[in-house]
C-alpha atoms as a PDB file:
ATOM      1  CA  MET A   1      98.901  21.498  75.063  1.00  0.00           C
ATOM      2  CA  PHE A   2      98.611  17.688  73.714  1.00  0.00           C
ATOM      3  CA  ILE A   3      96.089  16.382  75.418  1.00  0.00           C
ATOM      4  CA  CYS A   4      94.639  12.366  74.706  1.00  0.00           C
ATOM      5  CA  SER A   5      91.420  11.149  75.799  1.00  0.00           C
ATOM      6  CA  TYR A   6      91.123   7.218  75.848  1.00  0.00           C
ATOM      7  CA  GLU A   7      87.919   4.858  76.548  1.00  0.00           C
ATOM      8  CA  CYS A   8      88.352   2.134  78.804  1.00  0.00           C
ATOM      9  CA  ALA A   9      88.145  -1.310  77.003  1.00  0.00           C
ATOM     10  CA  ASP A  10      85.790  -3.439  79.732  1.00  0.00           C
ATOM     11  CA  CYS A  11      83.277  -0.777  80.168  1.00  0.00           C
ATOM     12  CA  ARG A  12      84.211   1.702  77.161  1.00  0.00           C
ATOM     13  CA  SER A  13      83.793   5.146  79.708  1.00  0.00           C
ATOM     14  CA  GLN A  14      86.441   8.117  78.993  1.00  0.00           C
ATOM     15  CA  ILE A  15      89.757   7.608  81.252  1.00  0.00           C
ATOM     16  CA  ALA A  16      89.477  11.646  82.677  1.00  0.00           C
ATOM     17  CA  ALA A  17      92.937  13.582  83.248  1.00  0.00           C
ATOM     18  CA  GLY A  18      94.700  12.226  86.477  1.00  0.00           C
ATOM     19  CA  GLU A  19      92.515   9.264  86.489  1.00  0.00           C
ATOM     20  CA  ARG A  20      95.269   5.979  87.404  1.00  0.00           C
ATOM     21  CA  TRP A  21      94.641   3.512  84.534  1.00  0.00           C
ATOM     22  CA  VAL A  22      96.559   0.483  82.732  1.00  0.00           C
ATOM     23  CA  ARG A  23      97.366  -0.184  79.784  1.00  0.00           C
ATOM     24  CA  GLU A  24      97.942  -3.335  78.112  1.00  0.00           C
ATOM     25  CA  LYS A  25      99.477  -4.379  74.620  1.00  0.00           C
ATOM     26  CA  ILE A  26      97.987  -7.090  72.254  1.00  0.00           C
ATOM     27  CA  TYR A  27     100.178  -8.177  69.023  1.00  0.00           C
ATOM     28  CA  GLU A  28      98.959  -9.181  66.259  1.00  0.00           C
ATOM     29  CA  PRO A  29     100.247 -10.268  63.697  1.00  0.00           C
ATOM     30  CA  ALA A  30      99.045  -9.002  60.705  1.00  0.00           C
ATOM     31  CA  LEU A  31      99.860  -9.317  57.021  1.00  0.00           C
ATOM     32  CA  SER A  32     100.421  -5.036  56.906  1.00  0.00           C
ATOM     33  CA  GLY A  33     102.842  -4.677  59.636  1.00  0.00           C
ATOM     34  CA  ASP A  34     101.291  -2.861  61.237  1.00  0.00           C
ATOM     35  CA  GLY A  35     102.178  -2.379  65.049  1.00  0.00           C
ATOM     36  CA  PRO A  36     101.098  -3.656  68.513  1.00  0.00           C
ATOM     37  CA  ARG A  37      97.383  -2.131  69.993  1.00  0.00           C
ATOM     38  CA  TYR A  38      97.087  -0.756  73.028  1.00  0.00           C
ATOM     39  CA  HIS A  39      93.182  -1.516  75.539  1.00  0.00           C
ATOM     40  CA  ARG A  40      93.344   1.059  78.900  1.00  0.00           C
ATOM     41  CA  TYR A  41      91.919   0.044  81.272  1.00  0.00           C
ATOM     42  CA  HIS A  42      90.889   2.065  84.194  1.00  0.00           C
ATOM     43  CA  ALA A  43      92.671   1.508  87.638  1.00  0.00           C
ATOM     44  CA  ASP A  44      90.857   2.276  90.431  1.00  0.00           C
ATOM     45  CA  LEU A  45      87.357   1.504  92.141  1.00  0.00           C
ATOM     46  CA  PHE A  46      84.897   3.150  91.110  1.00  0.00           C
ATOM     47  CA  SER A  47      81.942   3.926  93.826  1.00  0.00           C
ATOM     48  CA  GLY A  48      79.888   0.609  95.095  1.00  0.00           C
ATOM     49  CA  ALA A  49      83.059  -1.430  92.945  1.00  0.00           C
ATOM     50  CA  ASP A  50      84.461  -4.363  94.052  1.00  0.00           C
ATOM     51  CA  MET A  51      86.729  -4.289  91.087  1.00  0.00           C
ATOM     52  CA  SER A  52      88.266  -2.038  89.212  1.00  0.00           C
ATOM     53  CA  CYS A  53      87.850  -2.892  85.240  1.00  0.00           C
ATOM     54  CA  TRP A  54      91.504  -3.585  84.816  1.00  0.00           C
ATOM     55  CA  GLU A  55      91.560  -6.242  88.137  1.00  0.00           C
ATOM     56  CA  LYS A  56      88.028  -7.790  85.572  1.00  0.00           C
ATOM     57  CA  HIS A  57      89.402  -8.005  82.865  1.00  0.00           C
ATOM     58  CA  GLN A  58      92.431  -9.570  84.166  1.00  0.00           C
ATOM     59  CA  MET A  59      89.684 -12.716  86.413  1.00  0.00           C
ATOM     60  CA  ALA A  60      87.907 -13.078  82.799  1.00  0.00           C
ATOM     61  CA  GLN A  61      91.666 -13.826  81.216  1.00  0.00           C
ATOM     62  CA  GLU A  62      91.584 -16.396  83.716  1.00  0.00           C
ATOM     63  CA  VAL A  63      88.496 -17.870  83.748  1.00  0.00           C
ATOM     64  CA  ALA A  64      89.167 -18.924  80.059  1.00  0.00           C
ATOM     65  CA  ARG A  65      92.223 -19.826  80.376  1.00  0.00           C
ATOM     66  CA  MET A  66      91.380 -22.413  83.320  1.00  0.00           C
ATOM     67  CA  ILE A  67      88.520 -22.963  80.830  1.00  0.00           C
ATOM     68  CA  ALA A  68      91.034 -24.143  77.700  1.00  0.00           C
ATOM     69  CA  ARG A  69      92.869 -26.122  80.329  1.00  0.00           C
ATOM     70  CA  ALA A  70      89.580 -27.344  81.092  1.00  0.00           C
ATOM     71  CA  ALA A  71      88.843 -28.822  77.477  1.00  0.00           C
END
């Protein structure tokens, strides 16, 4: 049996087996020719949270885009 444990790129806690998660592919061209990396985020809300880790990440990216356009 092969078990992988992934860490959420937002909250840095482990993504447990059976939890829903989202994988984001990150392309960073490098001289070494390595392939893409992946960030993983919790897709579901934690108790008491208003957004999932994935939604927080998306919101932060949108804010960064808006700031870049305004500059």
